[in-house]
């Protein structure tokens, strides 16, 4: 059996490794457009911020290691198109310019996503960056380390944008964040949570420019100013973090079913609408446990899990993915925040009869050093009390409590059950009634 995998990062290499373990006789060929495979892009903001110095720490396995295991990996090779009728692909060697075809019995698309470049004039000026590839990270880190470049503008206040804030602050930069919406993280967290995150950013002298449309960058060769619909600011570095778009344009002439943004629609086994073609990662949809339609959730956790399942299925199994809860977290200066399940807006959009509760309590006992506030929001079914979603923000142990909520939602627990859930207690970690117990009790 001949298997071709297009894309060699999280989902693609997870599938390749699992398939090779399951079927040692499988002929596996990987085509990757960049110079790196098995690359953890989630580490890029922290590499840029010099939380660690060696970029190779983001590489889980090298090309040489994969080749030694019997998987043929071709880096700097771009797949230009797929002929689904004849089961062949057209490939361009980016080093030599040579174009050739290759055939497959089964194909996996794992091409990931690219940074969205907003419609801003002069984005090709020097010192304007995105943060998606290893090369992006190395270039931005070099710029951040230049003491002459003092002012950083970040366009887009999503996960990557706010992680870049902390990276810039590591170098003592003046930081400005521009966001089209009226709050940060508008697509993932509810307002009660983002209000606290915005307060934390402002406490650290981060300038938030909300409800602002960036229209133009100014400069002769390098960027010197950023213009919005209202104001002009002097800047030395601009980082574009306005979201990502699936890398699926090379499939536009196929009949593979896609979402509106170009993400490939897959089923619980990772199969697309075309026989013998699978997909996973940031180029594909995923099944959301609480939503009826396929969702686009470009997260490394989902990509790795789905990649492993597809590897097993390429070997002949029929394993399925449990589904995603879009569980996600981030650190914003000294706060950590996480979410899982449905947000309030998502529950509203789905027409669910829901209720919410938002509480502020303490993370641990007062007499052990380190007590701080922790905030919990629950979204639950008003009729059944079944928990639908949860969001937590605090200075310590907020994210790990979100993992408890993810488990509770997956298991179908109610707020009543959460109120009496037997959670760990010791003075350094919690109070006798944990904040999650209290949130469930308030909802009860």
Protein backbone atom coordinates (compact mmCIF):
# COMPACT_ATOMS: atom_id res chain seq x y z
CA UNK A 1 0.00 0.00 0.00
CA UNK A 2 1.34 3.39 -1.05
CA UNK A 3 0.37 6.34 1.16
CA UNK A 4 1.21 9.97 0.47
CA UNK A 5 0.93 12.56 3.22
CA UNK A 6 0.89 16.22 2.18
CA UNK A 7 2.18 18.26 5.10
CA UNK A 8 4.68 17.17 7.72
CA UNK A 9 3.90 19.02 10.91
CA UNK A 10 1.62 17.86 13.76
CA UNK A 11 -1.19 15.87 12.13
CA UNK A 12 0.81 14.61 9.15
CA UNK A 13 3.76 13.23 11.06
CA UNK A 14 1.56 11.80 13.81
CA UNK A 15 -0.29 9.86 11.12
CA UNK A 16 2.92 8.78 9.40
CA UNK A 17 4.51 7.50 12.60
CA UNK A 18 1.39 5.65 13.72
CA UNK A 19 0.83 4.08 10.29
CA UNK A 20 4.41 2.85 10.14
CA UNK A 21 4.07 1.21 13.56
CA UNK A 22 0.75 -0.38 12.56
CA UNK A 23 1.89 -1.54 9.11
CA UNK A 24 5.64 -1.83 8.69
CA UNK A 25 5.21 -2.75 5.01
CA UNK A 26 3.35 0.45 4.12
CA UNK A 27 5.18 2.71 1.68
CA UNK A 28 4.85 6.19 3.20
CA UNK A 29 5.96 9.37 1.44
CA UNK A 30 5.65 12.82 3.02
CA UNK A 31 5.86 16.08 1.08
CA UNK A 32 6.45 19.19 3.21
CA UNK A 33 6.68 22.69 1.75
CA UNK A 34 8.91 24.14 4.50
CA UNK A 35 12.32 23.03 5.78
CA UNK A 36 10.95 21.57 9.02
CA UNK A 37 8.76 18.64 10.03
CA UNK A 38 7.22 17.63 13.35
CA UNK A 39 7.45 21.24 14.45
CA UNK A 40 5.65 22.64 17.51
CA UNK A 41 4.57 26.09 16.35
CA UNK A 42 2.85 26.75 19.68
CA UNK A 43 6.29 27.41 21.13
CA UNK A 44 7.05 30.28 18.75
CA UNK A 45 5.92 33.19 20.97
CA UNK A 46 8.01 31.83 23.83
CA UNK A 47 11.02 31.32 21.55
CA UNK A 48 10.62 34.91 20.36
CA UNK A 49 10.42 36.08 23.99
CA UNK A 50 13.63 34.12 24.76
CA UNK A 51 11.99 31.89 27.35
CA UNK A 52 14.24 29.33 25.66
CA UNK A 53 17.06 29.93 23.17
CA UNK A 54 17.37 26.81 21.03
CA UNK A 55 14.73 26.69 18.29
CA UNK A 56 15.44 22.98 17.77
CA UNK A 57 13.62 22.27 21.03
CA UNK A 58 10.41 22.80 19.06
CA UNK A 59 11.30 19.87 16.75
CA UNK A 60 9.86 16.60 18.07
CA UNK A 61 11.64 14.37 15.48
CA UNK A 62 14.02 15.28 12.67
CA UNK A 63 13.77 14.43 8.99
CA UNK A 64 16.69 12.04 9.44
CA UNK A 65 14.91 10.20 12.26
CA UNK A 66 11.77 9.75 10.17
CA UNK A 67 13.77 8.56 7.16
CA UNK A 68 15.60 6.07 9.37
CA UNK A 69 12.25 4.65 10.48
CA UNK A 70 11.28 3.90 6.89
CA UNK A 71 9.20 7.02 6.20
CA UNK A 72 10.39 8.96 3.13
CA UNK A 73 10.27 12.67 3.95
CA UNK A 74 10.75 15.28 1.22
CA UNK A 75 11.14 18.79 2.62
CA UNK A 76 10.87 21.93 0.49
CA UNK A 77 8.50 20.13 -1.86
CA UNK A 78 5.16 21.78 -2.64
CA UNK A 79 2.15 19.81 -3.84
CA UNK A 80 0.54 21.91 -6.56
CA UNK A 81 -2.62 19.89 -7.22
CA UNK A 82 -4.36 16.57 -6.69
CA UNK A 83 -6.01 14.48 -9.41
CA UNK A 84 -8.57 12.53 -7.39
CA UNK A 85 -9.80 10.52 -10.38
CA UNK A 86 -6.37 9.11 -11.25
CA UNK A 87 -5.02 9.17 -7.67
CA UNK A 88 -1.97 11.23 -8.44
CA UNK A 89 -0.44 14.52 -7.31
CA UNK A 90 1.79 17.12 -8.95
CA UNK A 91 4.80 18.13 -6.88
CA UNK A 92 7.33 20.95 -7.25
CA UNK A 93 10.82 20.67 -5.81
CA UNK A 94 11.33 24.19 -4.44
CA UNK A 95 15.11 23.85 -4.49
CA UNK A 96 15.50 22.79 -8.13
CA UNK A 97 12.23 24.00 -9.65
CA UNK A 98 11.59 20.49 -11.00
CA UNK A 99 7.94 19.43 -11.29
CA UNK A 100 6.89 15.77 -11.22
CA UNK A 101 3.92 13.51 -10.46
CA UNK A 102 3.45 10.81 -7.87
CA UNK A 103 0.68 8.29 -7.34
CA UNK A 104 -1.03 7.03 -4.21
CA UNK A 105 -3.40 4.37 -2.96
CA UNK A 106 -4.41 6.55 -0.03
CA UNK A 107 -3.78 10.23 0.56
CA UNK A 108 -3.75 12.40 3.65
CA UNK A 109 -3.96 16.20 3.52
CA UNK A 110 -2.27 17.86 6.50
CA UNK A 111 -1.17 21.17 5.03
CA UNK A 112 -2.04 23.30 8.05
CA UNK A 113 -2.93 26.98 7.80
CA UNK A 114 -1.25 30.26 6.94
CA UNK A 115 -1.39 33.62 8.68
CA UNK A 116 -4.10 35.91 7.36
CA UNK A 117 -2.68 39.14 5.98
CA UNK A 118 -5.27 41.88 6.59
CA UNK A 119 -6.03 44.39 3.80
CA UNK A 120 -3.50 46.94 5.06
CA UNK A 121 -1.46 49.14 2.74
CA UNK A 122 2.33 48.61 2.69
CA UNK A 123 2.50 45.34 4.64
CA UNK A 124 5.64 44.50 2.64
CA UNK A 125 7.74 47.07 4.52
CA UNK A 126 10.74 45.91 6.54
CA UNK A 127 10.10 44.90 10.17
CA UNK A 128 6.56 43.65 9.45
CA UNK A 129 6.16 40.03 10.57
CA UNK A 130 3.79 37.11 10.92
CA UNK A 131 4.37 34.24 13.36
CA UNK A 132 3.55 30.85 11.87
CA UNK A 133 6.78 29.21 10.73
CA UNK A 134 10.21 28.59 12.25
CA UNK A 135 11.59 31.22 9.88
CA UNK A 136 8.97 33.71 11.12
CA UNK A 137 10.02 33.06 14.71
CA UNK A 138 13.73 33.47 14.03
CA UNK A 139 13.19 36.73 12.12
CA UNK A 140 10.89 38.23 14.76
CA UNK A 141 13.20 37.21 17.61
CA UNK A 142 16.11 38.90 15.87
CA UNK A 143 14.07 42.09 15.53
CA UNK A 144 12.94 41.98 19.16
CA UNK A 145 16.56 41.71 20.27
CA UNK A 146 17.42 44.91 18.40
CA UNK A 147 17.41 47.57 21.13
CA UNK A 148 16.93 50.32 18.54
CA UNK A 149 13.48 48.93 17.72
CA UNK A 150 11.55 50.05 20.79
CA UNK A 151 7.86 50.17 19.78
CA UNK A 152 5.88 47.07 18.82
CA UNK A 153 2.43 47.06 17.22
CA UNK A 154 0.44 43.83 17.27
CA UNK A 155 -2.50 43.66 14.86
CA UNK A 156 -5.01 41.15 16.20
CA UNK A 157 -5.80 40.25 19.82
CA UNK A 158 -6.25 36.50 19.58
CA UNK A 159 -4.14 33.82 21.25
CA UNK A 160 -0.95 34.43 19.26
CA UNK A 161 -1.28 38.20 19.48
CA UNK A 162 -1.52 38.21 23.26
CA UNK A 163 1.32 35.70 23.57
CA UNK A 164 3.47 38.03 21.45
CA UNK A 165 2.62 40.82 23.92
CA UNK A 166 4.42 38.93 26.66
CA UNK A 167 7.34 38.20 24.33
CA UNK A 168 7.72 41.90 23.53
CA UNK A 169 7.47 42.86 27.19
CA UNK A 170 10.37 40.49 27.92
CA UNK A 171 12.54 42.97 26.00
CA UNK A 172 11.02 46.05 27.64
CA UNK A 173 9.27 47.17 24.46
CA UNK A 174 6.44 49.67 24.26
CA UNK A 175 3.51 47.55 23.12
CA UNK A 176 0.37 48.55 21.23
CA UNK A 177 -2.40 46.05 20.41
CA UNK A 178 -4.91 46.83 17.67
CA UNK A 179 -8.16 44.90 17.56
CA UNK A 180 -11.03 45.23 15.09
CA UNK A 181 -13.56 44.10 17.74
CA UNK A 182 -14.44 45.86 20.97
CA UNK A 183 -12.56 43.36 23.14
CA UNK A 184 -9.70 40.87 23.05
CA UNK A 185 -10.19 37.14 22.40
CA UNK A 186 -13.72 37.85 21.24
CA UNK A 187 -14.13 34.48 19.50
CA UNK A 188 -13.11 32.30 22.45
CA UNK A 189 -13.89 33.96 25.80
CA UNK A 190 -16.93 35.75 27.17
CA UNK A 191 -16.81 39.38 28.30
CA UNK A 192 -16.51 38.64 32.02
CA UNK A 193 -13.20 36.91 31.31
CA UNK A 194 -11.83 39.32 28.69
CA UNK A 195 -12.54 42.29 30.96
CA UNK A 196 -10.12 40.80 33.49
CA UNK A 197 -7.50 40.03 30.83
CA UNK A 198 -7.72 43.57 29.43
CA UNK A 199 -7.27 44.98 32.94
CA UNK A 200 -4.16 42.82 33.37
CA UNK A 201 -2.73 44.04 30.06
CA UNK A 202 -3.29 47.68 30.94
CA UNK A 203 -1.72 47.13 34.36
CA UNK A 204 1.44 46.13 32.49
CA UNK A 205 1.31 49.31 30.35
CA UNK A 206 0.05 47.57 27.22
CA UNK A 207 -1.83 50.05 25.05
CA UNK A 208 -5.10 48.50 23.82
CA UNK A 209 -6.68 50.05 20.75
CA UNK A 210 -10.04 48.29 20.56
CA UNK A 211 -12.64 48.77 17.81
CA UNK A 212 -9.81 50.04 15.61
CA UNK A 213 -9.22 49.18 11.95
CA UNK A 214 -5.59 49.35 10.85
CA UNK A 215 -5.58 50.83 7.35
CA UNK A 216 -1.98 51.58 6.47
CA UNK A 217 1.67 51.17 7.43
CA UNK A 218 4.01 54.06 6.72
CA UNK A 219 7.75 54.10 6.00
CA UNK A 220 10.30 54.37 3.22
CA UNK A 221 11.90 50.95 3.59
CA UNK A 222 11.14 49.99 7.19
CA UNK A 223 7.86 50.64 8.97
CA UNK A 224 7.81 53.84 11.06
CA UNK A 225 4.09 54.44 11.64
CA UNK A 226 0.81 52.57 11.81
CA UNK A 227 -2.46 54.25 10.83
CA UNK A 228 -5.96 53.32 11.94
CA UNK A 229 -9.30 54.76 10.97
CA UNK A 230 -8.87 57.28 13.83
CA UNK A 231 -5.20 57.81 14.71
CA UNK A 232 -1.54 57.45 13.73
CA UNK A 233 1.15 55.89 15.96
CA UNK A 234 4.92 55.69 15.71
CA UNK A 235 6.12 52.06 15.62
CA UNK A 236 9.31 50.11 14.85
CA UNK A 237 7.95 46.54 14.60
CA UNK A 238 4.54 45.33 13.37
CA UNK A 239 3.33 41.76 14.02
CA UNK A 240 0.27 40.59 12.09
CA UNK A 241 -1.72 38.09 14.17
CA UNK A 242 -5.17 38.42 12.62
CA UNK A 243 -5.93 34.70 12.47
CA UNK A 244 -5.22 31.83 10.09
CA UNK A 245 -6.62 30.44 6.85
CA UNK A 246 -6.49 26.72 5.85
CA UNK A 247 -3.88 25.88 3.19
CA UNK A 248 -6.29 24.20 0.79
CA UNK A 249 -6.33 26.47 -2.29
CA UNK A 250 -4.39 23.81 -4.27
CA UNK A 251 -7.49 21.61 -3.93
CA UNK A 252 -9.91 24.12 -5.44
CA UNK A 253 -10.35 22.07 -8.63
CA UNK A 254 -11.29 18.92 -6.72
CA UNK A 255 -14.74 18.04 -5.43
CA UNK A 256 -13.62 17.69 -1.81
CA UNK A 257 -16.23 19.20 0.51
CA UNK A 258 -15.01 22.27 2.39
CA UNK A 259 -16.25 24.76 4.96
CA UNK A 260 -16.66 28.38 3.90
CA UNK A 261 -13.12 29.21 5.01
CA UNK A 262 -11.64 26.36 2.95
CA UNK A 263 -11.23 23.81 5.74
CA UNK A 264 -11.75 20.24 4.52
CA UNK A 265 -14.80 18.56 6.02
CA UNK A 266 -13.98 15.20 7.62
CA UNK A 267 -15.95 12.53 9.46
CA UNK A 268 -15.16 10.87 12.80
CA UNK A 269 -12.57 8.64 11.09
CA UNK A 270 -10.82 11.54 9.37
CA UNK A 271 -12.17 10.77 5.89
CA UNK A 272 -13.01 13.55 3.45
CA UNK A 273 -15.86 13.39 0.95
CA UNK A 274 -13.53 11.72 -1.58
CA UNK A 275 -12.77 8.02 -1.11
CA UNK A 276 -9.25 7.18 0.15
CA UNK A 277 -8.49 10.82 1.02
CA UNK A 278 -8.14 11.80 4.67
CA UNK A 279 -7.39 15.15 6.31
CA UNK A 280 -6.55 16.56 9.72
CA UNK A 281 -5.02 19.54 11.48
CA UNK A 282 -5.42 23.24 10.78
CA UNK A 283 -6.50 22.54 7.18
CA UNK A 284 -9.52 20.48 8.26
CA UNK A 285 -12.72 20.62 10.27
CA UNK A 286 -13.34 18.61 13.42
CA UNK A 287 -16.44 17.22 15.09
CA UNK A 288 -17.48 19.27 18.11
CA UNK A 289 -19.15 17.25 20.85
CA UNK A 290 -21.78 19.93 21.53
CA UNK A 291 -22.39 21.24 18.01
CA UNK A 292 -24.34 19.62 15.17
CA UNK A 293 -22.13 20.94 12.36
CA UNK A 294 -18.40 20.44 11.67
CA UNK A 295 -16.30 23.08 13.43
CA UNK A 296 -12.99 24.74 12.63
CA UNK A 297 -10.75 24.44 15.69
CA UNK A 298 -7.08 24.94 14.69
CA UNK A 299 -5.43 23.56 17.83
CA UNK A 300 -2.36 21.32 18.18
CA UNK A 301 -4.15 18.97 20.57
CA UNK A 302 -6.85 18.17 18.04
CA UNK A 303 -4.32 17.86 15.20
CA UNK A 304 -2.17 15.33 17.04
CA UNK A 305 -5.12 13.21 18.19
CA UNK A 306 -6.75 13.17 14.77
CA UNK A 307 -3.42 12.45 13.09
CA UNK A 308 -2.89 9.40 15.26
CA UNK A 309 -6.40 8.09 14.54
CA UNK A 310 -5.94 8.57 10.79
CA UNK A 311 -2.62 6.71 10.97
CA UNK A 312 -4.45 3.74 12.47
CA UNK A 313 -7.25 3.98 9.91
CA UNK A 314 -4.84 4.18 6.98
CA UNK A 315 -3.58 0.81 8.25
CA UNK A 316 -7.09 -0.63 7.99
CA UNK A 317 -8.71 0.22 11.33
CA UNK A 318 -11.94 2.17 11.79
CA UNK A 319 -11.19 4.16 14.91
CA UNK A 320 -13.14 7.34 15.59
CA UNK A 321 -12.43 10.59 17.38
CA UNK A 322 -14.53 11.33 20.46
CA UNK A 323 -14.98 14.91 19.34
CA UNK A 324 -13.59 18.23 20.47
CA UNK A 325 -14.68 20.63 23.21
CA UNK A 326 -12.41 23.38 21.83
CA UNK A 327 -10.53 23.34 25.13
CA UNK A 328 -7.87 26.04 25.02
CA UNK A 329 -5.74 28.13 27.35
CA UNK A 330 -3.19 30.91 27.40
CA UNK A 331 -1.07 33.02 29.72
CA UNK A 332 -1.60 36.78 29.69
CA UNK A 333 1.19 38.40 31.69
CA UNK A 334 0.58 37.13 35.26
CA UNK A 335 -2.86 35.66 34.56
CA UNK A 336 -3.73 32.27 33.12
CA UNK A 337 -7.04 31.64 31.41
CA UNK A 338 -8.74 28.61 29.92
CA UNK A 339 -12.03 27.65 28.36
CA UNK A 340 -13.84 24.49 27.30
CA UNK A 341 -17.18 23.56 25.76
CA UNK A 342 -19.59 26.27 24.63
CA UNK A 343 -19.24 29.96 25.31
CA UNK A 344 -22.38 31.88 26.20
CA UNK A 345 -22.55 33.30 22.68
CA UNK A 346 -22.27 29.83 21.16
CA UNK A 347 -25.05 28.50 23.41
CA UNK A 348 -27.19 31.44 22.36
CA UNK A 349 -26.45 30.86 18.66
CA UNK A 350 -27.47 27.20 19.01
CA UNK A 351 -30.81 28.18 20.52
CA UNK A 352 -30.17 26.36 23.79
CA UNK A 353 -32.17 27.29 26.86
CA UNK A 354 -29.15 28.05 29.04
CA UNK A 355 -28.15 29.83 32.21
CA UNK A 356 -24.79 31.12 33.42
CA UNK A 357 -23.09 31.78 36.71
CA UNK A 358 -19.95 33.85 37.27
CA UNK A 359 -18.19 33.80 40.61
CA UNK A 360 -15.00 35.17 42.16
CA UNK A 361 -13.38 33.17 44.92
CA UNK A 362 -9.91 32.21 46.15
CA UNK A 363 -7.61 29.55 44.71
CA UNK A 364 -6.37 28.22 48.08
CA UNK A 365 -6.32 28.81 51.84
CA UNK A 366 -5.36 32.23 53.20
CA UNK A 367 -2.72 31.00 55.62
CA UNK A 368 -0.52 29.35 52.98
CA UNK A 369 1.48 31.82 50.83
CA UNK A 370 0.13 32.42 47.33
CA UNK A 371 -3.58 32.94 47.79
CA UNK A 372 -5.13 34.94 44.93
CA UNK A 373 -8.47 35.50 43.27
CA UNK A 374 -9.82 33.00 40.79
CA UNK A 375 -12.86 33.57 38.57
CA UNK A 376 -15.16 30.89 37.18
CA UNK A 377 -17.94 31.13 34.62
CA UNK A 378 -20.24 28.18 33.96
CA UNK A 379 -22.70 27.84 31.08
CA UNK A 380 -25.29 25.15 31.68
CA UNK A 381 -28.61 23.85 30.37
CA UNK A 382 -31.39 25.64 32.22
CA UNK A 383 -33.70 22.61 32.04
CA UNK A 384 -31.33 19.73 32.84
CA UNK A 385 -28.49 21.53 34.70
CA UNK A 386 -26.00 19.70 32.43
CA UNK A 387 -22.80 21.72 32.10
CA UNK A 388 -22.21 23.06 28.59
CA UNK A 389 -19.14 25.23 29.00
CA UNK A 390 -16.71 26.75 31.43
CA UNK A 391 -14.14 29.54 31.54
CA UNK A 392 -11.66 30.26 34.33
CA UNK A 393 -9.11 33.02 34.87
CA UNK A 394 -6.70 33.49 37.76
CA UNK A 395 -3.08 33.81 38.79
CA UNK A 396 -2.55 30.20 39.81
CA UNK A 397 -4.07 26.83 38.84
CA UNK A 398 -6.87 28.26 36.69
CA UNK A 399 -6.06 26.21 33.60
CA UNK A 400 -5.84 22.87 35.39
CA UNK A 401 -9.31 23.47 36.81
CA UNK A 402 -10.56 23.96 33.24
CA UNK A 403 -9.38 20.40 32.58
CA UNK A 404 -11.75 19.26 35.35
CA UNK A 405 -14.60 21.08 33.59
CA UNK A 406 -13.69 19.47 30.24
CA UNK A 407 -13.95 16.06 31.87
CA UNK A 408 -17.23 17.01 33.52
CA UNK A 409 -18.73 18.18 30.22
CA UNK A 410 -17.52 15.07 28.39
CA UNK A 411 -19.14 12.92 31.09
CA UNK A 412 -22.39 14.89 30.99
CA UNK A 413 -22.23 16.03 34.63
CA UNK A 414 -24.69 18.53 36.05
CA UNK A 415 -24.01 21.59 38.17
CA UNK A 416 -25.43 19.66 41.14
CA UNK A 417 -22.83 16.94 40.64
CA UNK A 418 -20.06 19.51 40.20
CA UNK A 419 -21.05 21.09 43.51
CA UNK A 420 -20.36 17.80 45.32
CA UNK A 421 -17.51 16.51 43.16
CA UNK A 422 -14.76 15.04 45.33
CA UNK A 423 -11.76 17.22 44.43
CA UNK A 424 -8.33 17.30 46.05
CA UNK A 425 -7.73 19.58 49.02
CA UNK A 426 -4.59 20.71 50.78
CA UNK A 427 -3.77 24.28 51.91
CA UNK A 428 -1.26 24.99 49.08
CA UNK A 429 -3.71 23.94 46.36
CA UNK A 430 -7.34 24.65 47.25
CA UNK A 431 -9.85 25.29 49.97
CA UNK A 432 -12.03 22.58 51.48
CA UNK A 433 -14.76 23.69 49.11
CA UNK A 434 -12.94 24.20 45.83
CA UNK A 435 -13.94 27.11 43.62
CA UNK A 436 -15.49 24.59 41.19
CA UNK A 437 -17.65 23.15 43.97
CA UNK A 438 -18.78 26.66 44.84
CA UNK A 439 -19.57 27.53 41.22
CA UNK A 440 -21.66 24.37 40.91
CA UNK A 441 -23.40 25.14 44.19
CA UNK A 442 -24.25 28.70 43.13
CA UNK A 443 -25.72 27.33 39.89
CA UNK A 444 -27.56 24.67 41.89
